[in-house]
Amino acid sequence: MVTTDDRDRRLVESAAKYKPPFALDPTLALYCPQDNVDSLTHPSIAAWFDFILKDYAPSLPAGRRVLLLLPCTATKPYVLSTEHKRINAALLAAGFAPTAPADPMLLSLREAEEPEALFSLAPLVHPSGTVVHRAVISEPLGLVPYEYMLAYPGGVSPAVQYDDPGLFEERGNAVSPWRADHSATRISASKWKWGPNEKRAYVVMHNAMAETVAKALARFGHLYAARISWVAPGLTHRSFVVAKQERAAHGIAATKLAGTEKLALTGANDLLAPNLRITALPTRAQCADALQRLADRLGVTTKEAAGPFGRGGGGATPLALPELLEDLLAEVLPRKLAGAA
């Protein structure tokens, strides 16, 4: 029998993802798609949507501006995650510098050998004139500008208060068996298979996140020369972005079957004007090429390199591997601009 004690145990796991002074809000621990849908009306989330969709206006230096969308991470704040650290370190090594110092709370958590600039949440500027504005694709928040990762005009940012493993079906634990509308089936001691209620709620939440990203960029996406999402191929964060006609090339489903219902998945690019659409990277071709380069670096076959590649630079995805970061830098900072530095 599953009880609320099981949720309490998960809350302990969620709280452990935070480093003081940051702490989890237990009402923002979202363990299944139904939890996610409920969160859309949570006061903290609703207030965030009001801000990001009505009031937020990026304050950016002049130059060739690039919006770089990164994935949310289990570690909160995101900037403390291994994945974000390695991506940001690559940008700094390429000559980018933050336009403002790091928050003292973040600096109190840095390792001695880590540069202070690694923890700045401000836009990054390159000597060539390229400006990188970082933001995070997140569920349940949709879009989190880096500069409002810790706090925003509404108070403490919900980006440092939530935990949301509830949309990752393949993990087998994105369920809340204590809910009355739980419909998943247990397939082992630790794994569950989603039922129609989970799948239906997934589509509702997925499309709500795509709509939030699209509405935000419809307001201020014109500020950027390029909008790049650097999210793992095949995963939910990429599905939030790509349009129907892009899905096959990215290996992402266009629909989800919930019982007998075939429900369409919408990406932000379905809703954005052509001049505001997001380029989803890395491509499958870039991943294949990076895998070969990783195999060459390790002196192994591509089959043997597949494991290290999948675990990647952040212990979870390949996004922070040096081989793929070369491709990211080539997109963010074209060679002709880098040469002008």
C-alpha atoms as a PDB file:
ATOM      1  CA  MET A   1       0.000   0.000   0.000  1.00  0.00           C
ATOM      2  CA  VAL A   2       1.313   3.419  -0.974  1.00  0.00           C
ATOM      3  CA  THR A   3       0.797   6.219   1.578  1.00  0.00           C
ATOM      4  CA  THR A   4       1.743   9.841   2.049  1.00  0.00           C
ATOM      5  CA  ASP A   5       4.787   8.521   3.927  1.00  0.00           C
ATOM      6  CA  ASP A   6       6.164   7.655   0.472  1.00  0.00           C
ATOM      7  CA  ARG A   7       5.820  11.295  -0.542  1.00  0.00           C
ATOM      8  CA  ASP A   8       7.563  12.332   2.654  1.00  0.00           C
ATOM      9  CA  ARG A   9      10.506  10.123   1.744  1.00  0.00           C
ATOM     10  CA  ARG A  10      10.682  11.706  -1.701  1.00  0.00           C
ATOM     11  CA  LEU A  11      10.597  15.155  -0.148  1.00  0.00           C
ATOM     12  CA  VAL A  12      13.739  14.266   1.802  1.00  0.00           C
ATOM     13  CA  GLU A  13      15.427  13.322  -1.484  1.00  0.00           C
ATOM     14  CA  SER A  14      14.260  16.548  -3.111  1.00  0.00           C
ATOM     15  CA  ALA A  15      15.446  18.716  -0.233  1.00  0.00           C
ATOM     16  CA  ALA A  16      18.900  17.160  -0.509  1.00  0.00           C
ATOM     17  CA  LYS A  17      19.270  18.705  -3.980  1.00  0.00           C
ATOM     18  CA  TYR A  18      19.515  22.146  -2.372  1.00  0.00           C
ATOM     19  CA  LYS A  19      22.491  23.781  -0.716  1.00  0.00           C
ATOM     20  CA  PRO A  20      21.775  26.266   2.104  1.00  0.00           C
ATOM     21  CA  PRO A  21      20.715  29.052   2.147  1.00  0.00           C
ATOM     22  CA  PHE A  22      18.476  27.761  -0.653  1.00  0.00           C
ATOM     23  CA  ALA A  23      15.651  25.420   0.308  1.00  0.00           C
ATOM     24  CA  LEU A  24      12.796  23.444  -1.221  1.00  0.00           C
ATOM     25  CA  ASP A  25       9.187  24.570  -0.901  1.00  0.00           C
ATOM     26  CA  PRO A  26       7.427  21.206  -0.301  1.00  0.00           C
ATOM     27  CA  THR A  27       4.315  22.459  -2.101  1.00  0.00           C
ATOM     28  CA  LEU A  28       6.473  22.787  -5.243  1.00  0.00           C
ATOM     29  CA  ALA A  29       7.703  19.183  -5.243  1.00  0.00           C
ATOM     30  CA  LEU A  30       6.103  17.786  -8.391  1.00  0.00           C
ATOM     31  CA  TYR A  31       6.477  14.043  -8.842  1.00  0.00           C
ATOM     32  CA  CYS A  32       4.091  13.235 -11.685  1.00  0.00           C
ATOM     33  CA  PRO A  33       2.363  14.935 -14.629  1.00  0.00           C
ATOM     34  CA  GLN A  34      -0.797  15.506 -12.568  1.00  0.00           C
ATOM     35  CA  ASP A  35       1.276  17.352  -9.930  1.00  0.00           C
ATOM     36  CA  ASN A  36       2.641  19.466 -12.769  1.00  0.00           C
ATOM     37  CA  VAL A  37      -0.781  20.407 -14.086  1.00  0.00           C
ATOM     38  CA  ASP A  38      -1.921  21.341 -10.571  1.00  0.00           C
ATOM     39  CA  SER A  39       1.155  23.579 -10.228  1.00  0.00           C
ATOM     40  CA  LEU A  40      -0.057  25.844 -13.026  1.00  0.00           C
ATOM     41  CA  THR A  41      -2.434  27.453 -10.522  1.00  0.00           C
ATOM     42  CA  HIS A  42       0.003  27.444  -7.580  1.00  0.00           C
ATOM     43  CA  PRO A  43       0.289  31.061  -6.325  1.00  0.00           C
ATOM     44  CA  SER A  44       4.080  31.152  -6.781  1.00  0.00           C
ATOM     45  CA  ILE A  45       3.893  29.763 -10.309  1.00  0.00           C
ATOM     46  CA  ALA A  46       0.960  31.955 -11.318  1.00  0.00           C
ATOM     47  CA  ALA A  47       2.837  35.035 -10.062  1.00  0.00           C
ATOM     48  CA  TRP A  48       5.906  33.970 -12.051  1.00  0.00           C
ATOM     49  CA  PHE A  49       3.824  33.602 -15.218  1.00  0.00           C
ATOM     50  CA  ASP A  50       2.398  37.097 -14.697  1.00  0.00           C
ATOM     51  CA  PHE A  51       5.922  38.458 -14.437  1.00  0.00           C
ATOM     52  CA  ILE A  52       7.532  36.617 -17.338  1.00  0.00           C
ATOM     53  CA  LEU A  53       4.588  37.053 -19.720  1.00  0.00           C
ATOM     54  CA  LYS A  54       3.558  40.610 -18.889  1.00  0.00           C
ATOM     55  CA  ASP A  55       6.275  42.587 -17.115  1.00  0.00           C
ATOM     56  CA  TYR A  56       9.689  41.090 -17.831  1.00  0.00           C
ATOM     57  CA  ALA A  57      11.913  43.024 -20.233  1.00  0.00           C
ATOM     58  CA  PRO A  58      15.537  41.914 -20.716  1.00  0.00           C
ATOM     59  CA  SER A  59      18.131  44.592 -19.979  1.00  0.00           C
ATOM     60  CA  LEU A  60      20.957  43.826 -22.396  1.00  0.00           C
ATOM     61  CA  PRO A  61      24.089  45.555 -23.654  1.00  0.00           C
ATOM     62  CA  ALA A  62      24.259  46.612 -27.272  1.00  0.00           C
ATOM     63  CA  GLY A  63      25.779  44.155 -29.702  1.00  0.00           C
ATOM     64  CA  ARG A  64      24.956  40.952 -31.526  1.00  0.00           C
ATOM     65  CA  ARG A  65      22.666  39.385 -28.957  1.00  0.00           C
ATOM     66  CA  VAL A  66      22.164  35.642 -28.625  1.00  0.00           C
ATOM     67  CA  LEU A  67      19.580  34.054 -26.373  1.00  0.00           C
ATOM     68  CA  LEU A  68      21.019  30.781 -25.050  1.00  0.00           C
ATOM     69  CA  LEU A  69      18.383  28.511 -23.545  1.00  0.00           C
ATOM     70  CA  LEU A  70      19.799  25.876 -21.210  1.00  0.00           C
ATOM     71  CA  PRO A  71      17.997  22.949 -19.566  1.00  0.00           C
ATOM     72  CA  CYS A  72      16.869  23.032 -15.954  1.00  0.00           C
ATOM     73  CA  THR A  73      18.796  20.749 -13.621  1.00  0.00           C
ATOM     74  CA  ALA A  74      18.162  18.712 -10.491  1.00  0.00           C
ATOM     75  CA  THR A  75      20.674  20.928  -8.675  1.00  0.00           C
ATOM     76  CA  LYS A  76      19.232  24.249  -7.532  1.00  0.00           C
ATOM     77  CA  PRO A  77      20.183  26.961  -8.267  1.00  0.00           C
ATOM     78  CA  TYR A  78      20.894  25.733 -11.786  1.00  0.00           C
ATOM     79  CA  VAL A  79      24.168  27.630 -12.012  1.00  0.00           C
ATOM     80  CA  LEU A  80      25.624  25.336  -9.320  1.00  0.00           C
ATOM     81  CA  SER A  81      25.040  22.201 -11.406  1.00  0.00           C
ATOM     82  CA  THR A  82      27.995  20.495 -13.055  1.00  0.00           C
ATOM     83  CA  GLU A  83      26.316  20.822 -16.449  1.00  0.00           C
ATOM     84  CA  HIS A  84      25.797  24.584 -16.232  1.00  0.00           C
ATOM     85  CA  LYS A  85      29.237  25.125 -14.710  1.00  0.00           C
ATOM     86  CA  ARG A  86      30.945  23.386 -17.619  1.00  0.00           C
ATOM     87  CA  ILE A  87      28.879  25.164 -20.244  1.00  0.00           C
ATOM     88  CA  ASN A  88      29.520  28.537 -18.604  1.00  0.00           C
ATOM     89  CA  ALA A  89      33.215  27.753 -18.140  1.00  0.00           C
ATOM     90  CA  ALA A  90      33.484  27.092 -21.882  1.00  0.00           C
ATOM     91  CA  LEU A  91      31.935  30.494 -22.613  1.00  0.00           C
ATOM     92  CA  LEU A  92      34.360  32.215 -20.230  1.00  0.00           C
ATOM     93  CA  ALA A  93      37.318  30.350 -21.740  1.00  0.00           C
ATOM     94  CA  ALA A  94      36.214  31.588 -25.189  1.00  0.00           C
ATOM     95  CA  GLY A  95      36.577  35.188 -24.016  1.00  0.00           C
ATOM     96  CA  PHE A  96      33.137  36.039 -22.675  1.00  0.00           C
ATOM     97  CA  ALA A  97      32.923  38.049 -19.461  1.00  0.00           C
ATOM     98  CA  PRO A  98      29.924  38.831 -17.249  1.00  0.00           C
ATOM     99  CA  THR A  99      28.558  42.355 -17.156  1.00  0.00           C
ATOM    100  CA  ALA A 100      28.000  42.244 -13.371  1.00  0.00           C
ATOM    101  CA  PRO A 101      29.567  40.424 -10.417  1.00  0.00           C
ATOM    102  CA  ALA A 102      28.158  37.256  -8.895  1.00  0.00           C
ATOM    103  CA  ASP A 103      25.675  37.274  -6.042  1.00  0.00           C
ATOM    104  CA  PRO A 104      27.444  36.843  -2.665  1.00  0.00           C
ATOM    105  CA  MET A 105      25.174  33.886  -1.817  1.00  0.00           C
ATOM    106  CA  LEU A 106      26.474  32.013  -4.848  1.00  0.00           C
ATOM    107  CA  LEU A 107      30.070  32.962  -4.161  1.00  0.00           C
ATOM    108  CA  SER A 108      29.761  31.478  -0.685  1.00  0.00           C
ATOM    109  CA  LEU A 109      29.183  28.083  -2.350  1.00  0.00           C
ATOM    110  CA  ARG A 110      32.026  28.147  -4.890  1.00  0.00           C
ATOM    111  CA  GLU A 111      35.104  25.969  -4.672  1.00  0.00           C
ATOM    112  CA  ALA A 112      38.405  27.743  -4.090  1.00  0.00           C
ATOM    113  CA  GLU A 113      39.673  27.045  -7.621  1.00  0.00           C
ATOM    114  CA  GLU A 114      36.512  28.249  -9.339  1.00  0.00           C
ATOM    115  CA  PRO A 115      36.539  31.795 -10.775  1.00  0.00           C
ATOM    116  CA  GLU A 116      33.980  34.239  -9.427  1.00  0.00           C
ATOM    117  CA  ALA A 117      32.822  34.970 -12.971  1.00  0.00           C
ATOM    118  CA  LEU A 118      31.512  31.401 -13.208  1.00  0.00           C
ATOM    119  CA  PHE A 119      28.743  32.313 -10.781  1.00  0.00           C
ATOM    120  CA  SER A 120      27.587  35.573 -12.312  1.00  0.00           C
ATOM    121  CA  LEU A 121      24.015  35.483 -13.590  1.00  0.00           C
ATOM    122  CA  ALA A 122      24.431  38.605 -15.727  1.00  0.00           C
ATOM    123  CA  PRO A 123      24.620  38.649 -19.537  1.00  0.00           C
ATOM    124  CA  LEU A 124      28.014  37.738 -21.010  1.00  0.00           C
ATOM    125  CA  VAL A 125      29.866  39.959 -23.476  1.00  0.00           C
ATOM    126  CA  HIS A 126      32.626  38.953 -25.880  1.00  0.00           C
ATOM    127  CA  PRO A 127      35.251  41.421 -27.179  1.00  0.00           C
ATOM    128  CA  SER A 128      33.866  40.847 -30.674  1.00  0.00           C
ATOM    129  CA  GLY A 129      30.553  42.384 -29.619  1.00  0.00           C
ATOM    130  CA  THR A 130      28.510  39.218 -29.157  1.00  0.00           C
ATOM    131  CA  VAL A 131      26.243  39.266 -26.113  1.00  0.00           C
ATOM    132  CA  VAL A 132      24.979  35.994 -24.639  1.00  0.00           C
ATOM    133  CA  HIS A 133      21.838  36.198 -22.548  1.00  0.00           C
ATOM    134  CA  ARG A 134      21.268  32.941 -20.709  1.00  0.00           C
ATOM    135  CA  ALA A 135      17.887  31.567 -19.695  1.00  0.00           C
ATOM    136  CA  VAL A 136      16.611  28.185 -18.600  1.00  0.00           C
ATOM    137  CA  ILE A 137      13.822  26.053 -20.033  1.00  0.00           C
ATOM    138  CA  SER A 138      12.030  24.747 -16.984  1.00  0.00           C
ATOM    139  CA  GLU A 139       8.954  22.888 -15.959  1.00  0.00           C
ATOM    140  CA  PRO A 140       6.879  24.200 -14.219  1.00  0.00           C
ATOM    141  CA  LEU A 141       8.162  27.762 -14.884  1.00  0.00           C
ATOM    142  CA  GLY A 142       8.488  27.694 -18.666  1.00  0.00           C
ATOM    143  CA  LEU A 143      11.324  30.201 -18.982  1.00  0.00           C
ATOM    144  CA  VAL A 144      13.736  31.440 -16.304  1.00  0.00           C
ATOM    145  CA  PRO A 145      16.083  34.310 -17.261  1.00  0.00           C
ATOM    146  CA  TYR A 146      19.423  33.736 -15.562  1.00  0.00           C
ATOM    147  CA  GLU A 147      19.372  37.132 -13.891  1.00  0.00           C
ATOM    148  CA  TYR A 148      16.144  36.203 -12.064  1.00  0.00           C
ATOM    149  CA  MET A 149      17.249  32.749 -11.000  1.00  0.00           C
ATOM    150  CA  LEU A 150      17.502  33.705  -7.319  1.00  0.00           C
ATOM    151  CA  ALA A 151      15.038  36.546  -6.911  1.00  0.00           C
ATOM    152  CA  TYR A 152      12.666  38.635  -9.004  1.00  0.00           C
ATOM    153  CA  PRO A 153      10.393  41.613  -8.357  1.00  0.00           C
ATOM    154  CA  GLY A 154       7.814  39.254  -6.835  1.00  0.00           C
ATOM    155  CA  GLY A 155      10.221  38.024  -4.164  1.00  0.00           C
ATOM    156  CA  VAL A 156      12.250  34.817  -3.974  1.00  0.00           C
ATOM    157  CA  SER A 157      12.343  33.190  -7.392  1.00  0.00           C
ATOM    158  CA  PRO A 158      10.400  29.916  -7.547  1.00  0.00           C
ATOM    159  CA  ALA A 159      13.386  28.677  -9.597  1.00  0.00           C
ATOM    160  CA  VAL A 160      15.157  28.101  -6.271  1.00  0.00           C
ATOM    161  CA  GLN A 161      12.173  26.556  -4.516  1.00  0.00           C
ATOM    162  CA  TYR A 162      10.938  23.642  -6.633  1.00  0.00           C
ATOM    163  CA  ASP A 163      11.794  20.084  -7.628  1.00  0.00           C
ATOM    164  CA  ASP A 164      10.154  18.580 -10.693  1.00  0.00           C
ATOM    165  CA  PRO A 165      11.173  15.105 -11.869  1.00  0.00           C
ATOM    166  CA  GLY A 166       7.542  14.468 -12.761  1.00  0.00           C
ATOM    167  CA  LEU A 167       7.614  14.658 -16.574  1.00  0.00           C
ATOM    168  CA  PHE A 168      10.347  12.084 -17.242  1.00  0.00           C
ATOM    169  CA  GLU A 169       8.396   8.940 -18.083  1.00  0.00           C
ATOM    170  CA  GLU A 170      11.423   6.859 -19.002  1.00  0.00           C
ATOM    171  CA  ARG A 171      12.818   7.042 -15.461  1.00  0.00           C
ATOM    172  CA  GLY A 172       9.944   4.922 -14.209  1.00  0.00           C
ATOM    173  CA  ASN A 173       9.431   6.886 -11.001  1.00  0.00           C
ATOM    174  CA  ALA A 174       7.612   9.992 -12.278  1.00  0.00           C
ATOM    175  CA  VAL A 175       4.429   9.005 -10.452  1.00  0.00           C
ATOM    176  CA  SER A 176       2.507  10.007  -7.338  1.00  0.00           C
ATOM    177  CA  PRO A 177       0.813   6.782  -6.231  1.00  0.00           C
ATOM    178  CA  TRP A 178      -0.796   8.566  -3.278  1.00  0.00           C
ATOM    179  CA  ARG A 179      -2.990  10.654  -5.595  1.00  0.00           C
ATOM    180  CA  ALA A 180      -6.627   9.675  -6.180  1.00  0.00           C
ATOM    181  CA  ASP A 181      -6.154  10.105  -9.956  1.00  0.00           C
ATOM    182  CA  HIS A 182      -3.041   7.914 -10.086  1.00  0.00           C
ATOM    183  CA  SER A 183      -3.346   5.422 -12.952  1.00  0.00           C
ATOM    184  CA  ALA A 184       0.218   4.066 -13.328  1.00  0.00           C
ATOM    185  CA  THR A 185       1.013   0.363 -13.040  1.00  0.00           C
ATOM    186  CA  ARG A 186       3.896  -0.919 -10.938  1.00  0.00           C
ATOM    187  CA  ILE A 187       6.235  -3.050 -13.062  1.00  0.00           C
ATOM    188  CA  SER A 188       8.982  -3.644 -10.462  1.00  0.00           C
ATOM    189  CA  ALA A 189       9.893  -2.655  -6.931  1.00  0.00           C
ATOM    190  CA  SER A 190      11.042   0.770  -8.114  1.00  0.00           C
ATOM    191  CA  LYS A 191       9.522   1.254 -11.576  1.00  0.00           C
ATOM    192  CA  TRP A 192       6.097   2.285 -12.788  1.00  0.00           C
ATOM    193  CA  LYS A 193       4.420   2.457 -16.194  1.00  0.00           C
ATOM    194  CA  TRP A 194       2.304   5.528 -16.838  1.00  0.00           C
ATOM    195  CA  GLY A 195      -1.411   5.089 -17.272  1.00  0.00           C
ATOM    196  CA  PRO A 196      -3.820   7.272 -19.281  1.00  0.00           C
ATOM    197  CA  ASN A 197      -4.138   9.916 -16.555  1.00  0.00           C
ATOM    198  CA  GLU A 198      -0.382  10.457 -16.395  1.00  0.00           C
ATOM    199  CA  LYS A 199      -0.090  10.582 -20.182  1.00  0.00           C
ATOM    200  CA  ARG A 200      -3.002  12.968 -20.587  1.00  0.00           C
ATOM    201  CA  ALA A 201      -1.630  15.296 -17.912  1.00  0.00           C
ATOM    202  CA  TYR A 202       1.806  15.130 -19.524  1.00  0.00           C
ATOM    203  CA  VAL A 203       0.414  16.512 -22.778  1.00  0.00           C
ATOM    204  CA  VAL A 204      -1.439  19.301 -20.948  1.00  0.00           C
ATOM    205  CA  MET A 205       1.712  20.333 -19.092  1.00  0.00           C
ATOM    206  CA  HIS A 206       4.013  19.884 -22.091  1.00  0.00           C
ATOM    207  CA  ASN A 207       1.874  22.149 -24.242  1.00  0.00           C
ATOM    208  CA  ALA A 208       1.474  24.704 -21.450  1.00  0.00           C
ATOM    209  CA  MET A 209       5.266  24.975 -21.173  1.00  0.00           C
ATOM    210  CA  ALA A 210       5.656  25.349 -24.951  1.00  0.00           C
ATOM    211  CA  GLU A 211       2.998  28.043 -24.924  1.00  0.00           C
ATOM    212  CA  THR A 212       4.699  29.900 -22.072  1.00  0.00           C
ATOM    213  CA  VAL A 213       8.062  29.927 -23.871  1.00  0.00           C
ATOM    214  CA  ALA A 214       6.395  31.064 -27.105  1.00  0.00           C
ATOM    215  CA  LYS A 215       4.395  33.840 -25.437  1.00  0.00           C
ATOM    216  CA  ALA A 216       7.516  35.137 -23.710  1.00  0.00           C
ATOM    217  CA  LEU A 217       9.573  35.184 -26.908  1.00  0.00           C
ATOM    218  CA  ALA A 218       6.731  36.745 -28.853  1.00  0.00           C
ATOM    219  CA  ARG A 219       7.209  39.728 -26.527  1.00  0.00           C
ATOM    220  CA  PHE A 220      10.988  40.078 -26.527  1.00  0.00           C
ATOM    221  CA  GLY A 221      12.466  37.520 -28.922  1.00  0.00           C
ATOM    222  CA  HIS A 222      13.090  40.257 -31.495  1.00  0.00           C
ATOM    223  CA  LEU A 223      15.922  41.572 -29.306  1.00  0.00           C
ATOM    224  CA  TYR A 224      18.158  38.688 -30.378  1.00  0.00           C
ATOM    225  CA  ALA A 225      20.012  37.930 -33.591  1.00  0.00           C
ATOM    226  CA  ALA A 226      19.711  34.245 -32.696  1.00  0.00           C
ATOM    227  CA  ARG A 227      17.751  32.125 -30.243  1.00  0.00           C
ATOM    228  CA  ILE A 228      19.465  28.816 -29.460  1.00  0.00           C
ATOM    229  CA  SER A 229      18.257  26.051 -27.180  1.00  0.00           C
ATOM    230  CA  TRP A 230      21.095  23.845 -25.953  1.00  0.00           C
ATOM    231  CA  VAL A 231      19.108  20.878 -24.682  1.00  0.00           C
ATOM    232  CA  ALA A 232      19.640  17.142 -24.945  1.00  0.00           C
ATOM    233  CA  PRO A 233      18.271  15.441 -28.077  1.00  0.00           C
ATOM    234  CA  GLY A 234      15.142  13.390 -27.566  1.00  0.00           C
ATOM    235  CA  LEU A 235      14.298  14.755 -24.134  1.00  0.00           C
ATOM    236  CA  THR A 236      11.274  16.689 -22.918  1.00  0.00           C
ATOM    237  CA  HIS A 237      13.011  20.071 -22.945  1.00  0.00           C
ATOM    238  CA  ARG A 238      13.699  19.734 -26.663  1.00  0.00           C
ATOM    239  CA  SER A 239      10.112  18.623 -27.225  1.00  0.00           C
ATOM    240  CA  PHE A 240       8.951  21.888 -25.629  1.00  0.00           C
ATOM    241  CA  VAL A 241      10.795  23.744 -28.430  1.00  0.00           C
ATOM    242  CA  VAL A 242      10.560  22.020 -31.803  1.00  0.00           C
ATOM    243  CA  ALA A 243       7.696  22.411 -34.254  1.00  0.00           C
ATOM    244  CA  LYS A 244       5.662  19.576 -35.723  1.00  0.00           C
ATOM    245  CA  GLN A 245       7.668  19.520 -38.957  1.00  0.00           C
ATOM    246  CA  GLU A 246      10.974  19.428 -37.022  1.00  0.00           C
ATOM    247  CA  ARG A 247      10.152  16.502 -34.756  1.00  0.00           C
ATOM    248  CA  ALA A 248      11.133  13.644 -37.055  1.00  0.00           C
ATOM    249  CA  ALA A 249      14.588  15.140 -37.648  1.00  0.00           C
ATOM    250  CA  HIS A 250      15.093  15.439 -33.886  1.00  0.00           C
ATOM    251  CA  GLY A 251      13.756  11.964 -33.110  1.00  0.00           C
ATOM    252  CA  ILE A 252      10.903  13.361 -31.030  1.00  0.00           C
ATOM    253  CA  ALA A 253       7.324  12.094 -31.018  1.00  0.00           C
ATOM    254  CA  ALA A 254       4.592  14.371 -32.344  1.00  0.00           C
ATOM    255  CA  THR A 255       1.807  12.745 -30.348  1.00  0.00           C
ATOM    256  CA  LYS A 256       1.195  10.805 -27.160  1.00  0.00           C
ATOM    257  CA  LEU A 257      -1.330   7.996 -26.798  1.00  0.00           C
ATOM    258  CA  ALA A 258      -3.411   8.268 -23.624  1.00  0.00           C
ATOM    259  CA  GLY A 259      -5.718   5.292 -23.565  1.00  0.00           C
ATOM    260  CA  THR A 260      -7.389   5.466 -26.967  1.00  0.00           C
ATOM    261  CA  GLU A 261      -6.722   9.205 -27.424  1.00  0.00           C
ATOM    262  CA  LYS A 262      -3.883  10.357 -29.681  1.00  0.00           C
ATOM    263  CA  LEU A 263      -2.932  13.755 -28.304  1.00  0.00           C
ATOM    264  CA  ALA A 264      -0.793  16.258 -30.226  1.00  0.00           C
ATOM    265  CA  LEU A 265       2.376  17.678 -28.677  1.00  0.00           C
ATOM    266  CA  THR A 266       2.966  21.356 -29.411  1.00  0.00           C
ATOM    267  CA  GLY A 267       6.387  23.025 -29.445  1.00  0.00           C
ATOM    268  CA  ALA A 268       7.172  26.709 -29.018  1.00  0.00           C
ATOM    269  CA  ASN A 269       8.274  26.874 -32.664  1.00  0.00           C
ATOM    270  CA  ASP A 270       4.740  25.866 -33.720  1.00  0.00           C
ATOM    271  CA  LEU A 271       3.490  29.060 -32.098  1.00  0.00           C
ATOM    272  CA  LEU A 272       6.266  31.538 -32.936  1.00  0.00           C
ATOM    273  CA  ALA A 273       6.581  33.656 -36.065  1.00  0.00           C
ATOM    274  CA  PRO A 274       9.333  32.362 -38.391  1.00  0.00           C
ATOM    275  CA  ASN A 275      11.691  35.224 -37.494  1.00  0.00           C
ATOM    276  CA  LEU A 276      11.430  34.406 -33.771  1.00  0.00           C
ATOM    277  CA  ARG A 277      11.852  30.648 -33.845  1.00  0.00           C
ATOM    278  CA  ILE A 278      14.403  28.809 -31.734  1.00  0.00           C
ATOM    279  CA  THR A 279      17.238  26.739 -33.193  1.00  0.00           C
ATOM    280  CA  ALA A 280      17.338  23.448 -31.274  1.00  0.00           C
ATOM    281  CA  LEU A 281      20.882  22.168 -30.801  1.00  0.00           C
ATOM    282  CA  PRO A 282      22.890  20.003 -30.799  1.00  0.00           C
ATOM    283  CA  THR A 283      21.624  18.324 -33.952  1.00  0.00           C
ATOM    284  CA  ARG A 284      21.749  14.576 -34.342  1.00  0.00           C
ATOM    285  CA  ALA A 285      24.557  15.023 -36.876  1.00  0.00           C
ATOM    286  CA  GLN A 286      26.536  17.110 -34.383  1.00  0.00           C
ATOM    287  CA  CYS A 287      26.019  14.426 -31.737  1.00  0.00           C
ATOM    288  CA  ALA A 288      27.230  11.690 -34.085  1.00  0.00           C
ATOM    289  CA  ASP A 289      30.319  13.705 -34.992  1.00  0.00           C
ATOM    290  CA  ALA A 290      31.006  14.544 -31.342  1.00  0.00           C
ATOM    291  CA  LEU A 291      30.704  10.870 -30.409  1.00  0.00           C
ATOM    292  CA  GLN A 292      33.362  10.015 -32.983  1.00  0.00           C
ATOM    293  CA  ARG A 293      35.646  12.772 -31.679  1.00  0.00           C
ATOM    294  CA  LEU A 294      35.111  11.546 -28.122  1.00  0.00           C
ATOM    295  CA  ALA A 295      35.990   8.012 -29.184  1.00  0.00           C
ATOM    296  CA  ASP A 296      39.154   9.320 -30.838  1.00  0.00           C
ATOM    297  CA  ARG A 297      40.068  11.246 -27.690  1.00  0.00           C
ATOM    298  CA  LEU A 298      39.513   8.214 -25.472  1.00  0.00           C
ATOM    299  CA  GLY A 299      41.157   5.820 -27.915  1.00  0.00           C
ATOM    300  CA  VAL A 300      38.106   3.538 -28.063  1.00  0.00           C
ATOM    301  CA  THR A 301      35.423   2.567 -30.562  1.00  0.00           C
ATOM    302  CA  THR A 302      32.290   4.661 -30.923  1.00  0.00           C
ATOM    303  CA  LYS A 303      30.330   1.795 -29.356  1.00  0.00           C
ATOM    304  CA  GLU A 304      32.600   1.878 -26.314  1.00  0.00           C
ATOM    305  CA  ALA A 305      32.362   5.685 -26.181  1.00  0.00           C
ATOM    306  CA  ALA A 306      28.552   5.659 -26.210  1.00  0.00           C
ATOM    307  CA  GLY A 307      28.312   5.221 -22.433  1.00  0.00           C
ATOM    308  CA  PRO A 308      30.639   8.103 -21.525  1.00  0.00           C
ATOM    309  CA  PHE A 309      28.956  10.188 -24.216  1.00  0.00           C
ATOM    310  CA  GLY A 310      25.474   9.589 -22.818  1.00  0.00           C
ATOM    311  CA  ARG A 311      26.541  10.385 -19.260  1.00  0.00           C
ATOM    312  CA  GLY A 312      28.277  13.422 -20.652  1.00  0.00           C
ATOM    313  CA  GLY A 313      29.935  16.362 -19.020  1.00  0.00           C
ATOM    314  CA  GLY A 314      27.309  16.809 -16.337  1.00  0.00           C
ATOM    315  CA  GLY A 315      26.790  13.218 -15.328  1.00  0.00           C
ATOM    316  CA  ALA A 316      23.414  13.109 -17.076  1.00  0.00           C
ATOM    317  CA  THR A 317      23.580  14.360 -20.675  1.00  0.00           C
ATOM    318  CA  PRO A 318      26.297  14.969 -23.297  1.00  0.00           C
ATOM    319  CA  LEU A 319      25.667  18.740 -23.417  1.00  0.00           C
ATOM    320  CA  ALA A 320      28.759  19.670 -21.408  1.00  0.00           C
ATOM    321  CA  LEU A 321      31.240  17.418 -23.182  1.00  0.00           C
ATOM    322  CA  PRO A 322      34.176  19.348 -24.714  1.00  0.00           C
ATOM    323  CA  GLU A 323      33.375  17.914 -28.141  1.00  0.00           C
ATOM    324  CA  LEU A 324      29.833  19.287 -28.164  1.00  0.00           C
ATOM    325  CA  LEU A 325      30.802  22.547 -26.480  1.00  0.00           C
ATOM    326  CA  GLU A 326      33.013  23.228 -29.497  1.00  0.00           C
ATOM    327  CA  ASP A 327      29.857  23.087 -31.604  1.00  0.00           C
ATOM    328  CA  LEU A 328      27.983  25.369 -29.218  1.00  0.00           C
ATOM    329  CA  LEU A 329      30.717  27.983 -29.325  1.00  0.00           C
ATOM    330  CA  ALA A 330      30.768  27.832 -33.129  1.00  0.00           C
ATOM    331  CA  GLU A 331      27.042  28.635 -33.143  1.00  0.00           C
ATOM    332  CA  VAL A 332      27.163  31.348 -30.484  1.00  0.00           C
ATOM    333  CA  LEU A 333      30.380  32.936 -31.687  1.00  0.00           C
ATOM    334  CA  PRO A 334      30.914  32.453 -35.431  1.00  0.00           C
ATOM    335  CA  ARG A 335      34.568  32.307 -36.441  1.00  0.00           C
ATOM    336  CA  LYS A 336      34.549  35.651 -38.239  1.00  0.00           C
ATOM    337  CA  LEU A 337      33.373  37.351 -35.058  1.00  0.00           C
ATOM    338  CA  ALA A 338      35.792  35.468 -32.832  1.00  0.00           C
ATOM    339  CA  GLY A 339      38.617  36.560 -35.124  1.00  0.00           C
ATOM    340  CA  ALA A 340      37.636  40.190 -34.643  1.00  0.00           C
ATOM    341  CA  ALA A 341      38.203  40.023 -30.877  1.00  0.00           C
END
